[in-house]
PDB file of N, CA and C in Angstrom:
ATOM      1  N   MET A   1      -1.571  74.449 -28.709  1.00  0.00           N
ATOM      2  CA  MET A   1      -1.526  74.033 -27.256  1.00  0.00           C
ATOM      3  C   MET A   1      -2.677  73.330 -26.742  1.00  0.00           C
ATOM      4  N   GLU A   2      -3.835  73.060 -27.774  1.00  0.00           N
ATOM      5  CA  GLU A   2      -4.705  72.323 -27.257  1.00  0.00           C
ATOM      6  C   GLU A   2      -4.395  70.819 -27.505  1.00  0.00           C
ATOM      7  N   LYS A   3      -3.753  70.845 -28.668  1.00  0.00           N
ATOM      8  CA  LYS A   3      -3.301  69.451 -29.385  1.00  0.00           C
ATOM      9  C   LYS A   3      -2.257  68.847 -28.215  1.00  0.00           C
ATOM     10  N   LYS A   4      -1.249  69.666 -27.531  1.00  0.00           N
ATOM     11  CA  LYS A   4      -0.662  69.199 -26.527  1.00  0.00           C
ATOM     12  C   LYS A   4      -1.191  68.710 -25.336  1.00  0.00           C
ATOM     13  N   GLY A   5      -2.372  69.434 -24.766  1.00  0.00           N
ATOM     14  CA  GLY A   5      -3.465  69.112 -23.743  1.00  0.00           C
ATOM     15  C   GLY A   5      -3.869  67.739 -23.859  1.00  0.00           C
ATOM     16  N   LEU A   6      -4.733  67.794 -25.047  1.00  0.00           N
ATOM     17  CA  LEU A   6      -5.098  66.393 -25.567  1.00  0.00           C
ATOM     18  C   LEU A   6      -4.240  65.102 -25.622  1.00  0.00           C
ATOM     19  N   ASP A   7      -3.221  65.302 -26.051  1.00  0.00           N
ATOM     20  CA  ASP A   7      -2.436  64.487 -26.137  1.00  0.00           C
ATOM     21  C   ASP A   7      -1.676  63.963 -24.635  1.00  0.00           C
ATOM     22  N   LYS A   8      -1.622  64.926 -23.771  1.00  0.00           N
ATOM     23  CA  LYS A   8      -1.068  64.607 -22.496  1.00  0.00           C
ATOM     24  C   LYS A   8      -2.174  63.805 -21.760  1.00  0.00           C
ATOM     25  N   ARG A   9      -3.545  64.361 -22.019  1.00  0.00           N
ATOM     26  CA  ARG A   9      -4.778  63.511 -21.366  1.00  0.00           C
ATOM     27  C   ARG A   9      -4.964  62.293 -21.635  1.00  0.00           C
ATOM     28  N   LYS A  10      -4.758  62.283 -23.016  1.00  0.00           N
ATOM     29  CA  LYS A  10      -4.589  60.676 -23.628  1.00  0.00           C
ATOM     30  C   LYS A  10      -3.627  59.873 -23.007  1.00  0.00           C
ATOM     31  N   LEU A  11      -2.509  60.435 -22.832  1.00  0.00           N
ATOM     32  CA  LEU A  11      -1.285  59.605 -22.592  1.00  0.00           C
ATOM     33  C   LEU A  11      -1.699  59.116 -20.922  1.00  0.00           C
ATOM     34  N   ILE A  12      -2.385  60.201 -20.101  1.00  0.00           N
ATOM     35  CA  ILE A  12      -2.577  59.999 -18.609  1.00  0.00           C
ATOM     36  C   ILE A  12      -3.510  58.915 -18.709  1.00  0.00           C
ATOM     37  N   THR A  13      -4.556  59.012 -19.454  1.00  0.00           N
ATOM     38  CA  THR A  13      -5.905  57.978 -19.430  1.00  0.00           C
ATOM     39  C   THR A  13      -5.182  56.758 -19.954  1.00  0.00           C
ATOM     40  N   GLY A  14      -4.335  56.667 -20.863  1.00  0.00           N
ATOM     41  CA  GLY A  14      -3.895  55.302 -21.394  1.00  0.00           C
ATOM     42  C   GLY A  14      -2.990  54.620 -20.047  1.00  0.00           C
ATOM     43  N   LEU A  15      -2.366  55.589 -19.520  1.00  0.00           N
ATOM     44  CA  LEU A  15      -1.297  55.123 -18.449  1.00  0.00           C
ATOM     45  C   LEU A  15      -2.047  54.516 -17.173  1.00  0.00           C
ATOM     46  N   ASP A  16      -3.174  55.252 -17.045  1.00  0.00           N
ATOM     47  CA  ASP A  16      -4.181  54.828 -15.831  1.00  0.00           C
ATOM     48  C   ASP A  16      -4.996  53.485 -16.315  1.00  0.00           C
ATOM     49  N   ASN A  17      -4.982  53.388 -17.609  1.00  0.00           N
ATOM     50  CA  ASN A  17      -5.760  52.141 -17.933  1.00  0.00           C
ATOM     51  C   ASN A  17      -4.853  50.967 -17.789  1.00  0.00           C
ATOM     52  N   ALA A  18      -3.429  51.310 -18.198  1.00  0.00           N
ATOM     53  CA  ALA A  18      -2.466  50.074 -18.335  1.00  0.00           C
ATOM     54  C   ALA A  18      -2.229  49.798 -16.774  1.00  0.00           C
ATOM     55  N   GLU A  19      -2.160  50.771 -15.799  1.00  0.00           N
ATOM     56  CA  GLU A  19      -1.929  50.498 -14.418  1.00  0.00           C
ATOM     57  C   GLU A  19      -2.899  49.697 -13.867  1.00  0.00           C
ATOM     58  N   LYS A  20      -4.540  49.923 -14.141  1.00  0.00           N
ATOM     59  CA  LYS A  20      -5.556  49.245 -13.742  1.00  0.00           C
ATOM     60  C   LYS A  20      -5.491  47.703 -14.232  1.00  0.00           C
ATOM     61  N   ARG A  21      -4.805  47.756 -15.541  1.00  0.00           N
ATOM     62  CA  ARG A  21      -4.995  46.204 -16.197  1.00  0.00           C
ATOM     63  C   ARG A  21      -3.851  45.353 -15.446  1.00  0.00           C
ATOM     64  N   LEU A  22      -2.625  46.207 -15.020  1.00  0.00           N
ATOM     65  CA  LEU A  22      -1.501  45.582 -14.609  1.00  0.00           C
ATOM     66  C   LEU A  22      -1.987  45.002 -12.952  1.00  0.00           C
ATOM     67  N   ASP A  23      -2.735  46.066 -12.365  1.00  0.00           N
ATOM     68  CA  ASP A  23      -3.144  45.599 -11.065  1.00  0.00           C
ATOM     69  C   ASP A  23      -4.094  44.181 -11.134  1.00  0.00           C
ATOM     70  N   LYS A  24      -4.803  44.375 -12.193  1.00  0.00           N
ATOM     71  CA  LYS A  24      -5.866  43.181 -12.279  1.00  0.00           C
ATOM     72  C   LYS A  24      -4.728  41.892 -12.389  1.00  0.00           C
ATOM     73  N   VAL A  25      -3.991  42.015 -13.366  1.00  0.00           N
ATOM     74  CA  VAL A  25      -3.125  40.817 -13.622  1.00  0.00           C
ATOM     75  C   VAL A  25      -2.179  40.353 -12.182  1.00  0.00           C
ATOM     76  N   ARG A  26      -1.795  41.404 -11.542  1.00  0.00           N
ATOM     77  CA  ARG A  26      -1.113  41.064 -10.606  1.00  0.00           C
ATOM     78  C   ARG A  26      -2.082  40.210  -9.272  1.00  0.00           C
ATOM     79  N   GLN A  27      -3.182  40.728  -9.120  1.00  0.00           N
ATOM     80  CA  GLN A  27      -4.437  39.996  -8.371  1.00  0.00           C
ATOM     81  C   GLN A  27      -4.667  38.507  -8.922  1.00  0.00           C
ATOM     82  N   GLU A  28      -4.530  38.444 -10.149  1.00  0.00           N
ATOM     83  CA  GLU A  28      -4.986  37.166 -10.667  1.00  0.00           C
ATOM     84  C   GLU A  28      -3.873  36.055 -10.687  1.00  0.00           C
ATOM     85  N   LYS A  29      -2.654  36.906 -10.923  1.00  0.00           N
ATOM     86  CA  LYS A  29      -1.305  36.081 -10.305  1.00  0.00           C
ATOM     87  C   LYS A  29      -1.067  35.598  -9.103  1.00  0.00           C
ATOM     88  N   ALA A  30      -1.562  36.500  -8.092  1.00  0.00           N
ATOM     89  CA  ALA A  30      -1.548  36.110  -6.609  1.00  0.00           C
ATOM     90  C   ALA A  30      -2.544  34.908  -6.204  1.00  0.00           C
ATOM     91  N   GLY A  31      -3.744  35.177  -6.762  1.00  0.00           N
ATOM     92  CA  GLY A  31      -4.957  34.161  -6.667  1.00  0.00           C
ATOM     93  C   GLY A  31      -4.452  32.789  -7.493  1.00  0.00           C
ATOM     94  N   ILE A  32      -3.726  32.922  -8.459  1.00  0.00           N
ATOM     95  CA  ILE A  32      -3.198  31.386  -8.954  1.00  0.00           C
ATOM     96  C   ILE A  32      -2.218  30.992  -8.277  1.00  0.00           C
ATOM     97  N   ALA A  33      -1.501  31.758  -7.536  1.00  0.00           N
ATOM     98  CA  ALA A  33      -0.186  31.265  -6.647  1.00  0.00           C
ATOM     99  C   ALA A  33      -0.850  30.889  -5.481  1.00  0.00           C
ATOM    100  N   GLU A  34      -1.470  31.403  -5.131  1.00  0.00           N
ATOM    101  CA  GLU A  34      -2.548  30.652  -3.838  1.00  0.00           C
ATOM    102  C   GLU A  34      -3.324  29.388  -4.035  1.00  0.00           C
ATOM    103  N   GLN A  35      -3.722  29.244  -5.280  1.00  0.00           N
ATOM    104  CA  GLN A  35      -4.651  28.132  -5.448  1.00  0.00           C
ATOM    105  C   GLN A  35      -3.444  26.852  -5.701  1.00  0.00           C
ATOM    106  N   LEU A  36      -2.401  27.254  -6.311  1.00  0.00           N
ATOM    107  CA  LEU A  36      -1.425  26.303  -6.611  1.00  0.00           C
ATOM    108  C   LEU A  36      -0.660  25.860  -5.265  1.00  0.00           C
ATOM    109  N   ASN A  37      -0.554  26.734  -4.403  1.00  0.00           N
ATOM    110  CA  ASN A  37      -0.170  26.426  -2.968  1.00  0.00           C
ATOM    111  C   ASN A  37      -1.053  25.694  -2.316  1.00  0.00           C
ATOM    112  N   LYS A  38      -2.153  25.834  -2.525  1.00  0.00           N
ATOM    113  CA  LYS A  38      -3.357  24.957  -1.665  1.00  0.00           C
ATOM    114  C   LYS A  38      -3.315  23.592  -2.435  1.00  0.00           C
ATOM    115  N   THR A  39      -3.320  23.499  -3.569  1.00  0.00           N
ATOM    116  CA  THR A  39      -3.223  22.235  -4.348  1.00  0.00           C
ATOM    117  C   THR A  39      -2.007  21.408  -4.195  1.00  0.00           C
ATOM    118  N   MET A  40      -0.894  22.018  -4.188  1.00  0.00           N
ATOM    119  CA  MET A  40       0.307  21.418  -3.734  1.00  0.00           C
ATOM    120  C   MET A  40       0.287  20.821  -2.123  1.00  0.00           C
ATOM    121  N   GLN A  41      -0.315  21.593  -1.239  1.00  0.00           N
ATOM    122  CA  GLN A  41      -0.595  21.116  -0.019  1.00  0.00           C
ATOM    123  C   GLN A  41      -1.250  19.794   0.113  1.00  0.00           C
ATOM    124  N   GLU A  42      -2.598  19.928  -0.542  1.00  0.00           N
ATOM    125  CA  GLU A  42      -3.225  18.763  -0.713  1.00  0.00           C
ATOM    126  C   GLU A  42      -2.743  17.789  -1.313  1.00  0.00           C
ATOM    127  N   ASN A  43      -2.122  17.810  -2.577  1.00  0.00           N
ATOM    128  CA  ASN A  43      -1.237  16.890  -2.868  1.00  0.00           C
ATOM    129  C   ASN A  43      -0.182  16.068  -2.104  1.00  0.00           C
ATOM    130  N   SER A  44       0.426  16.612  -1.267  1.00  0.00           N
ATOM    131  CA  SER A  44       1.466  16.312  -0.241  1.00  0.00           C
ATOM    132  C   SER A  44       0.675  15.469   0.554  1.00  0.00           C
ATOM    133  N   HIS A  45      -0.617  16.241   1.061  1.00  0.00           N
ATOM    134  CA  HIS A  45      -1.266  15.472   2.204  1.00  0.00           C
ATOM    135  C   HIS A  45      -1.950  13.960   1.730  1.00  0.00           C
ATOM    136  N   LEU A  46      -2.356  14.000   0.370  1.00  0.00           N
ATOM    137  CA  LEU A  46      -2.997  12.902  -0.161  1.00  0.00           C
ATOM    138  C   LEU A  46      -1.626  11.817  -0.601  1.00  0.00           C
ATOM    139  N   GLU A  47      -0.662  12.061  -0.852  1.00  0.00           N
ATOM    140  CA  GLU A  47       0.732  11.399  -0.999  1.00  0.00           C
ATOM    141  C   GLU A  47       0.987  10.548   0.221  1.00  0.00           C
ATOM    142  N   SER A  48       0.990  11.480   1.455  1.00  0.00           N
ATOM    143  CA  SER A  48       1.231  10.825   2.487  1.00  0.00           C
ATOM    144  C   SER A  48       0.168   9.727   2.970  1.00  0.00           C
ATOM    145  N   LYS A  49      -1.210  10.151   2.796  1.00  0.00           N
ATOM    146  CA  LYS A  49      -2.205   9.178   3.088  1.00  0.00           C
ATOM    147  C   LYS A  49      -1.998   7.870   2.313  1.00  0.00           C
ATOM    148  N   ILE A  50      -1.587   8.044   0.983  1.00  0.00           N
ATOM    149  CA  ILE A  50      -1.399   6.763   0.192  1.00  0.00           C
ATOM    150  C   ILE A  50      -0.404   6.306   0.654  1.00  0.00           C
ATOM    151  N   LYS A  51       0.696   6.545   1.317  1.00  0.00           N
ATOM    152  CA  LYS A  51       1.849   5.780   1.907  1.00  0.00           C
ATOM    153  C   LYS A  51       1.580   5.254   2.864  1.00  0.00           C
ATOM    154  N   ASN A  52       0.696   6.035   3.836  1.00  0.00           N
ATOM    155  CA  ASN A  52       0.283   5.239   5.060  1.00  0.00           C
ATOM    156  C   ASN A  52      -0.635   4.002   4.751  1.00  0.00           C
ATOM    157  N   LEU A  53      -1.695   4.256   3.786  1.00  0.00           N
ATOM    158  CA  LEU A  53      -2.402   3.036   3.444  1.00  0.00           C
ATOM    159  C   LEU A  53      -1.442   2.011   3.108  1.00  0.00           C
ATOM    160  N   LYS A  54      -0.593   2.255   2.127  1.00  0.00           N
ATOM    161  CA  LYS A  54       0.333   0.872   1.499  1.00  0.00           C
ATOM    162  C   LYS A  54       1.018   0.284   2.413  1.00  0.00           C
ATOM    163  N   GLU A  55       1.638   1.048   3.739  1.00  0.00           N
ATOM    164  CA  GLU A  55       2.129   0.484   4.759  1.00  0.00           C
ATOM    165  C   GLU A  55       1.266  -0.228   5.466  1.00  0.00           C
ATOM    166  N   GLU A  56      -0.001   0.109   5.937  1.00  0.00           N
ATOM    167  CA  GLU A  56      -1.014  -0.793   6.446  1.00  0.00           C
ATOM    168  C   GLU A  56      -1.514  -2.189   5.700  1.00  0.00           C
ATOM    169  N   LEU A  57      -1.468  -2.013   4.091  1.00  0.00           N
ATOM    170  CA  LEU A  57      -1.701  -2.754   3.437  1.00  0.00           C
ATOM    171  C   LEU A  57      -0.683  -4.251   3.615  1.00  0.00           C
ATOM    172  N   ASP A  58       0.635  -3.533   3.492  1.00  0.00           N
ATOM    173  CA  ASP A  58       1.652  -4.536   3.582  1.00  0.00           C
ATOM    174  C   ASP A  58       1.562  -5.356   5.009  1.00  0.00           C
ATOM    175  N   LYS A  59       1.247  -4.542   6.089  1.00  0.00           N
ATOM    176  CA  LYS A  59       1.249  -5.347   7.497  1.00  0.00           C
ATOM    177  C   LYS A  59      -0.082  -6.376   7.378  1.00  0.00           C
ATOM    178  N   VAL A  60      -1.137  -5.956   6.842  1.00  0.00           N
ATOM    179  CA  VAL A  60      -2.223  -6.554   6.807  1.00  0.00           C
ATOM    180  C   VAL A  60      -2.049  -7.880   5.917  1.00  0.00           C
ATOM    181  N   ARG A  61      -1.384  -7.827   4.816  1.00  0.00           N
ATOM    182  CA  ARG A  61      -1.104  -8.948   3.970  1.00  0.00           C
ATOM    183  C   ARG A  61      -0.037  -9.893   4.612  1.00  0.00           C
ATOM    184  N   GLN A  62       0.993  -9.204   5.691  1.00  0.00           N
ATOM    185  CA  GLN A  62       1.982 -10.294   6.201  1.00  0.00           C
ATOM    186  C   GLN A  62       1.042 -10.787   7.345  1.00  0.00           C
ATOM    187  N   ASP A  63       0.135 -10.195   7.877  1.00  0.00           N
ATOM    188  CA  ASP A  63      -0.632 -10.931   9.033  1.00  0.00           C
ATOM    189  C   ASP A  63      -1.430 -11.974   8.520  1.00  0.00           C
ATOM    190  N   ASN A  64      -2.139 -11.777   7.464  1.00  0.00           N
ATOM    191  CA  ASN A  64      -2.884 -12.583   6.899  1.00  0.00           C
ATOM    192  C   ASN A  64      -2.177 -13.932   6.192  1.00  0.00           C
ATOM    193  N   CYS A  65      -0.926 -13.685   5.779  1.00  0.00           N
ATOM    194  CA  CYS A  65       0.025 -14.863   5.542  1.00  0.00           C
ATOM    195  C   CYS A  65       0.261 -15.574   6.704  1.00  0.00           C
ATOM    196  N   VAL A  66       0.502 -15.059   7.827  1.00  0.00           N
ATOM    197  CA  VAL A  66       0.995 -15.762   8.988  1.00  0.00           C
ATOM    198  C   VAL A  66      -0.600 -16.577   9.623  1.00  0.00           C
ATOM    199  N   VAL A  67      -1.498 -15.868   9.495  1.00  0.00           N
ATOM    200  CA  VAL A  67      -2.900 -16.445   9.694  1.00  0.00           C
ATOM    201  C   VAL A  67      -3.300 -17.787   8.815  1.00  0.00           C
ATOM    202  N   ASP A  68      -3.068 -17.526   7.393  1.00  0.00           N
ATOM    203  CA  ASP A  68      -3.328 -18.619   6.523  1.00  0.00           C
ATOM    204  C   ASP A  68      -2.441 -19.895   7.012  1.00  0.00           C
ATOM    205  N   SER A  69      -0.999 -19.397   7.198  1.00  0.00           N
ATOM    206  CA  SER A  69      -0.415 -20.656   7.239  1.00  0.00           C
ATOM    207  C   SER A  69      -0.507 -21.301   8.527  1.00  0.00           C
ATOM    208  N   GLU A  70      -1.159 -20.485   9.552  1.00  0.00           N
ATOM    209  CA  GLU A  70      -1.448 -21.101  11.013  1.00  0.00           C
ATOM    210  C   GLU A  70      -2.671 -22.032  10.521  1.00  0.00           C
ATOM    211  N   ARG A  71      -3.559 -21.339   9.788  1.00  0.00           N
ATOM    212  CA  ARG A  71      -4.806 -22.416   9.309  1.00  0.00           C
ATOM    213  C   ARG A  71      -4.278 -23.662   8.800  1.00  0.00           C
ATOM    214  N   THR A  72      -3.457 -23.608   7.890  1.00  0.00           N
ATOM    215  CA  THR A  72      -2.958 -24.813   6.965  1.00  0.00           C
ATOM    216  C   THR A  72      -2.650 -26.122   8.092  1.00  0.00           C
ATOM    217  N   LYS A  73      -1.906 -25.546   9.314  1.00  0.00           N
ATOM    218  CA  LYS A  73      -1.332 -26.551  10.202  1.00  0.00           C
ATOM    219  C   LYS A  73      -2.450 -27.338  10.458  1.00  0.00           C
ATOM    220  N   SER A  74      -2.086 -28.621  10.735  1.00  0.00           N
ATOM    221  CA  SER A  74      -2.804 -29.726  11.438  1.00  0.00           C
ATOM    222  C   SER A  74      -3.034 -29.097  12.953  1.00  0.00           C
ATOM    223  N   GLU A  75      -4.358 -29.156  13.251  1.00  0.00           N
ATOM    224  CA  GLU A  75      -4.145 -28.957  14.857  1.00  0.00           C
ATOM    225  C   GLU A  75      -4.344 -30.322  15.460  1.00  0.00           C
ATOM    226  N   ILE A  76      -4.949 -31.311  14.576  1.00  0.00           N
ATOM    227  CA  ILE A  76      -4.907 -32.923  15.390  1.00  0.00           C
ATOM    228  C   ILE A  76      -3.729 -33.712  14.583  1.00  0.00           C
ATOM    229  N   LYS A  77      -3.056 -33.993  15.413  1.00  0.00           N
ATOM    230  CA  LYS A  77      -1.822 -34.695  14.999  1.00  0.00           C
ATOM    231  C   LYS A  77      -2.108 -36.052  14.443  1.00  0.00           C
ATOM    232  N   PRO A  78      -1.733 -36.811  13.098  1.00  0.00           N
ATOM    233  CA  PRO A  78      -2.361 -37.782  12.776  1.00  0.00           C
ATOM    234  C   PRO A  78      -1.556 -38.954  13.365  1.00  0.00           C
ATOM    235  N   LYS A  79      -2.393 -39.906  13.502  1.00  0.00           N
ATOM    236  CA  LYS A  79      -1.480 -41.463  14.301  1.00  0.00           C
ATOM    237  C   LYS A  79      -1.737 -42.557  13.096  1.00  0.00           C
ATOM    238  N   ASN A  80      -2.567 -42.390  12.396  1.00  0.00           N
ATOM    239  CA  ASN A  80      -2.791 -43.344  11.399  1.00  0.00           C
ATOM    240  C   ASN A  80      -3.367 -42.872   9.963  1.00  0.00           C
ATOM    241  N   VAL A  81      -2.521 -43.175   9.020  1.00  0.00           N
ATOM    242  CA  VAL A  81      -2.903 -42.531   7.694  1.00  0.00           C
ATOM    243  C   VAL A  81      -3.114 -43.831   6.484  1.00  0.00           C
ATOM    244  N   MET A  82      -4.074 -44.009   6.125  1.00  0.00           N
ATOM    245  CA  MET A  82      -4.261 -45.114   5.261  1.00  0.00           C
ATOM    246  C   MET A  82      -3.729 -46.375   5.554  1.00  0.00           C
ATOM    247  N   GLY A  83      -3.747 -46.918   6.773  1.00  0.00           N
ATOM    248  CA  GLY A  83      -3.185 -48.168   7.292  1.00  0.00           C
ATOM    249  C   GLY A  83      -1.588 -47.926   7.826  1.00  0.00           C
ATOM    250  N   TRP A  84      -0.958 -46.805   7.576  1.00  0.00           N
ATOM    251  CA  TRP A  84       0.139 -46.489   8.233  1.00  0.00           C
ATOM    252  C   TRP A  84       0.018 -45.766   9.347  1.00  0.00           C
ATOM    253  N   ASN A  85       1.149 -46.200  10.281  1.00  0.00           N
ATOM    254  CA  ASN A  85       1.228 -45.519  11.495  1.00  0.00           C
ATOM    255  C   ASN A  85       2.054 -44.364  11.293  1.00  0.00           C
ATOM    256  N   VAL A  86       1.682 -43.247  11.874  1.00  0.00           N
ATOM    257  CA  VAL A  86       2.500 -41.847  11.571  1.00  0.00           C
ATOM    258  C   VAL A  86       2.889 -41.514  13.286  1.00  0.00           C
ATOM    259  N   GLN A  87       4.067 -41.168  13.120  1.00  0.00           N
ATOM    260  CA  GLN A  87       4.667 -40.460  14.326  1.00  0.00           C
ATOM    261  C   GLN A  87       5.514 -39.476  14.059  1.00  0.00           C
ATOM    262  N   GLN A  88       5.533 -38.302  14.552  1.00  0.00           N
ATOM    263  CA  GLN A  88       6.404 -37.231  14.401  1.00  0.00           C
ATOM    264  C   GLN A  88       7.523 -36.847  15.425  1.00  0.00           C
ATOM    265  N   SER A  89       8.630 -37.241  15.007  1.00  0.00           N
ATOM    266  CA  SER A  89      10.111 -37.254  15.675  1.00  0.00           C
ATOM    267  C   SER A  89      10.272 -35.541  16.395  1.00  0.00           C
ATOM    268  N   LYS A  90      11.475 -35.797  17.191  1.00  0.00           N
ATOM    269  CA  LYS A  90      11.717 -34.271  17.552  1.00  0.00           C
ATOM    270  C   LYS A  90      12.344 -33.549  16.505  1.00  0.00           C
ATOM    271  N   ASP A  91      12.811 -33.915  15.579  1.00  0.00           N
ATOM    272  CA  ASP A  91      13.336 -32.921  14.517  1.00  0.00           C
ATOM    273  C   ASP A  91      12.358 -32.512  13.571  1.00  0.00           C
ATOM    274  N   GLY A  92      11.165 -32.878  13.883  1.00  0.00           N
ATOM    275  CA  GLY A  92       9.903 -32.276  13.291  1.00  0.00           C
ATOM    276  C   GLY A  92       9.279 -32.943  11.875  1.00  0.00           C
ATOM    277  N   TYR A  93      10.165 -34.122  11.671  1.00  0.00           N
ATOM    278  CA  TYR A  93       9.585 -35.178  10.521  1.00  0.00           C
ATOM    279  C   TYR A  93       8.890 -36.241  11.018  1.00  0.00           C
ATOM    280  N   TYR A  94       8.001 -36.333  10.194  1.00  0.00           N
ATOM    281  CA  TYR A  94       6.669 -37.402  10.211  1.00  0.00           C
ATOM    282  C   TYR A  94       7.427 -38.800   9.830  1.00  0.00           C
ATOM    283  N   ARG A  95       7.358 -39.913  10.666  1.00  0.00           N
ATOM    284  CA  ARG A  95       7.636 -41.051  10.274  1.00  0.00           C
ATOM    285  C   ARG A  95       6.282 -41.813  10.042  1.00  0.00           C
ATOM    286  N   CYS A  96       6.313 -42.589   8.902  1.00  0.00           N
ATOM    287  CA  CYS A  96       5.470 -43.415   8.749  1.00  0.00           C
ATOM    288  C   CYS A  96       5.850 -44.989   8.495  1.00  0.00           C
ATOM    289  N   TYR A  97       5.179 -45.819   9.207  1.00  0.00           N
ATOM    290  CA  TYR A  97       5.585 -47.221   9.327  1.00  0.00           C
ATOM    291  C   TYR A  97       4.726 -47.991   9.482  1.00  0.00           C
ATOM    292  N   ARG A  98       4.572 -49.203   9.263  1.00  0.00           N
ATOM    293  CA  ARG A  98       3.545 -50.346   9.577  1.00  0.00           C
ATOM    294  C   ARG A  98       4.306 -51.562  10.332  1.00  0.00           C
ATOM    295  N   LYS A  99       3.433 -51.876  11.168  1.00  0.00           N
ATOM    296  CA  LYS A  99       4.153 -52.747  12.291  1.00  0.00           C
ATOM    297  C   LYS A  99       3.653 -54.054  12.052  1.00  0.00           C
ATOM    298  N   LYS A 100       4.267 -55.034  11.971  1.00  0.00           N
ATOM    299  CA  LYS A 100       3.861 -56.680  11.956  1.00  0.00           C
ATOM    300  C   LYS A 100       4.495 -57.423  13.111  1.00  0.00           C
ATOM    301  N   THR A 101       3.679 -57.405  14.142  1.00  0.00           N
ATOM    302  CA  THR A 101       4.492 -58.144  15.352  1.00  0.00           C
ATOM    303  C   THR A 101       5.722 -57.742  15.711  1.00  0.00           C
ATOM    304  N   ASN A 102       5.631 -56.475  15.970  1.00  0.00           N
ATOM    305  CA  ASN A 102       6.804 -55.824  16.520  1.00  0.00           C
ATOM    306  C   ASN A 102       8.189 -55.690  15.456  1.00  0.00           C
ATOM    307  N   GLU A 103       7.613 -55.926  14.347  1.00  0.00           N
ATOM    308  CA  GLU A 103       8.766 -55.685  13.185  1.00  0.00           C
ATOM    309  C   GLU A 103       8.329 -54.553  12.405  1.00  0.00           C
ATOM    310  N   TYR A 104       9.442 -53.768  12.017  1.00  0.00           N
ATOM    311  CA  TYR A 104       8.816 -52.778  10.861  1.00  0.00           C
ATOM    312  C   TYR A 104       8.825 -53.428   9.528  1.00  0.00           C
ATOM    313  N   ILE A 105       7.823 -53.256   8.721  1.00  0.00           N
ATOM    314  CA  ILE A 105       7.856 -53.699   7.414  1.00  0.00           C
ATOM    315  C   ILE A 105       8.565 -52.821   6.458  1.00  0.00           C
ATOM    316  N   LEU A 106       8.156 -51.282   6.649  1.00  0.00           N
ATOM    317  CA  LEU A 106       8.853 -50.184   5.537  1.00  0.00           C
ATOM    318  C   LEU A 106       8.685 -49.271   6.597  1.00  0.00           C
ATOM    319  N   SER A 107       9.564 -48.400   6.346  1.00  0.00           N
ATOM    320  CA  SER A 107       9.812 -47.167   7.273  1.00  0.00           C
ATOM    321  C   SER A 107      10.110 -45.777   6.091  1.00  0.00           C
ATOM    322  N   THR A 108       9.409 -44.782   6.198  1.00  0.00           N
ATOM    323  CA  THR A 108       9.742 -43.653   5.293  1.00  0.00           C
ATOM    324  C   THR A 108       9.497 -42.447   6.324  1.00  0.00           C
ATOM    325  N   SER A 109      10.005 -41.281   5.901  1.00  0.00           N
ATOM    326  CA  SER A 109       9.882 -40.205   6.685  1.00  0.00           C
ATOM    327  C   SER A 109       9.648 -38.885   5.595  1.00  0.00           C
ATOM    328  N   VAL A 110       8.825 -37.991   6.189  1.00  0.00           N
ATOM    329  CA  VAL A 110       8.238 -36.841   5.486  1.00  0.00           C
ATOM    330  C   VAL A 110       8.421 -35.546   6.232  1.00  0.00           C
ATOM    331  N   ARG A 111       8.619 -34.369   5.622  1.00  0.00           N
ATOM    332  CA  ARG A 111       8.644 -33.268   6.494  1.00  0.00           C
ATOM    333  C   ARG A 111       7.225 -32.670   6.803  1.00  0.00           C
ATOM    334  N   SER A 112       6.310 -32.689   5.938  1.00  0.00           N
ATOM    335  CA  SER A 112       5.123 -32.285   6.630  1.00  0.00           C
ATOM    336  C   SER A 112       3.898 -33.103   5.803  1.00  0.00           C
ATOM    337  N   LEU A 113       2.773 -33.154   6.152  1.00  0.00           N
ATOM    338  CA  LEU A 113       1.503 -33.881   5.690  1.00  0.00           C
ATOM    339  C   LEU A 113       0.712 -32.811   5.553  1.00  0.00           C
ATOM    340  N   ILE A 114       0.131 -32.849   4.322  1.00  0.00           N
ATOM    341  CA  ILE A 114      -1.135 -31.963   4.155  1.00  0.00           C
ATOM    342  C   ILE A 114      -2.559 -32.801   4.201  1.00  0.00           C
ATOM    343  N   TRP A 115      -3.198 -32.085   4.988  1.00  0.00           N
ATOM    344  CA  TRP A 115      -4.715 -32.779   5.358  1.00  0.00           C
ATOM    345  C   TRP A 115      -5.716 -31.925   4.557  1.00  0.00           C
ATOM    346  N   LYS A 116      -6.521 -32.576   3.971  1.00  0.00           N
ATOM    347  CA  LYS A 116      -7.808 -31.859   3.365  1.00  0.00           C
ATOM    348  C   LYS A 116      -9.049 -32.237   4.613  1.00  0.00           C
ATOM    349  N   LYS A 117      -9.589 -30.935   4.925  1.00  0.00           N
ATOM    350  CA  LYS A 117     -10.669 -31.162   5.645  1.00  0.00           C
ATOM    351  C   LYS A 117     -12.108 -31.076   5.031  1.00  0.00           C
TER     352      LYS A 117
END
């Protein structure tokens, strides 16, 4: 009879220990799930920040392209280049010509002139 009582106590003690370990594992699992949830939220937040920064960078790059192209435009329209008279027509082309007593010696047209300052 004493053997049955000891066996019962061992089984109850073993069962209690197993329940304690199971509770500990469940708590750890809940903690890990909570950390994973926080990490996923942070990841999502950082991804949205990266997306917004990329969009802003694209806007800045486009704005800089416009500013750079405006900088390269000549603010002072040339009238004479290396002995050639220059005139811009209504269609946007530059006409380069030389005059000799109201006669045109040579005439050519170009779309744009690049000036180095």
